[in-house]
Amino acid sequence: MKIIKIPKTKNYLKIDIITLEPEDSVDEIL
């Protein structure tokens, strides 16, 4: 798992690196 910081909300999400593409936006995942 990888922790990605979201500047807007300053919250942290645990994102599975295997399912996360490098160009994917965290906002799109939300």
C-alpha atoms as a PDB file:
ATOM      1  CA  MET A   1       0.000   0.000   0.000  1.00  0.00           C
ATOM      2  CA  LYS A   2       1.090   3.552  -0.667  1.00  0.00           C
ATOM      3  CA  ILE A   3       0.017   6.690   1.170  1.00  0.00           C
ATOM      4  CA  ILE A   4      -0.791   9.618  -1.115  1.00  0.00           C
ATOM      5  CA  LYS A   5      -1.388  13.105   0.230  1.00  0.00           C
ATOM      6  CA  ILE A   6      -4.233  15.156  -1.207  1.00  0.00           C
ATOM      7  CA  PRO A   7      -3.411  18.881  -1.068  1.00  0.00           C
ATOM      8  CA  LYS A   8      -7.088  19.914  -1.168  1.00  0.00           C
ATOM      9  CA  THR A   9      -8.273  18.053   1.891  1.00  0.00           C
ATOM     10  CA  LYS A  10      -4.862  17.256   3.399  1.00  0.00           C
ATOM     11  CA  ASN A  11      -6.211  13.764   4.001  1.00  0.00           C
ATOM     12  CA  TYR A  12      -4.255  10.601   3.403  1.00  0.00           C
ATOM     13  CA  LEU A  13      -5.456   7.692   1.313  1.00  0.00           C
ATOM     14  CA  LYS A  14      -4.037   4.213   1.179  1.00  0.00           C
ATOM     15  CA  ILE A  15      -3.800   3.376  -2.490  1.00  0.00           C
ATOM     16  CA  ASP A  16      -2.867  -0.035  -3.825  1.00  0.00           C
ATOM     17  CA  ILE A  17       0.193   0.520  -6.006  1.00  0.00           C
ATOM     18  CA  ILE A  18      -0.695  -2.502  -8.138  1.00  0.00           C
ATOM     19  CA  THR A  19      -4.057  -1.050  -9.142  1.00  0.00           C
ATOM     20  CA  LEU A  20      -2.892   2.573  -9.314  1.00  0.00           C
ATOM     21  CA  GLU A  21      -1.586   3.784 -12.639  1.00  0.00           C
ATOM     22  CA  PRO A  22       1.155   6.450 -12.456  1.00  0.00           C
ATOM     23  CA  GLU A  23      -0.892   8.981 -14.392  1.00  0.00           C
ATOM     24  CA  ASP A  24      -4.102   8.416 -12.451  1.00  0.00           C
ATOM     25  CA  SER A  25      -5.374  11.387 -10.491  1.00  0.00           C
ATOM     26  CA  VAL A  26      -6.298  10.862  -6.861  1.00  0.00           C
ATOM     27  CA  ASP A  27      -9.266  13.175  -7.384  1.00  0.00           C
ATOM     28  CA  GLU A  28     -10.546  10.849 -10.099  1.00  0.00           C
ATOM     29  CA  ILE A  29     -10.292   7.902  -7.733  1.00  0.00           C
ATOM     30  CA  LEU A  30     -12.345   9.778  -5.159  1.00  0.00           C
END
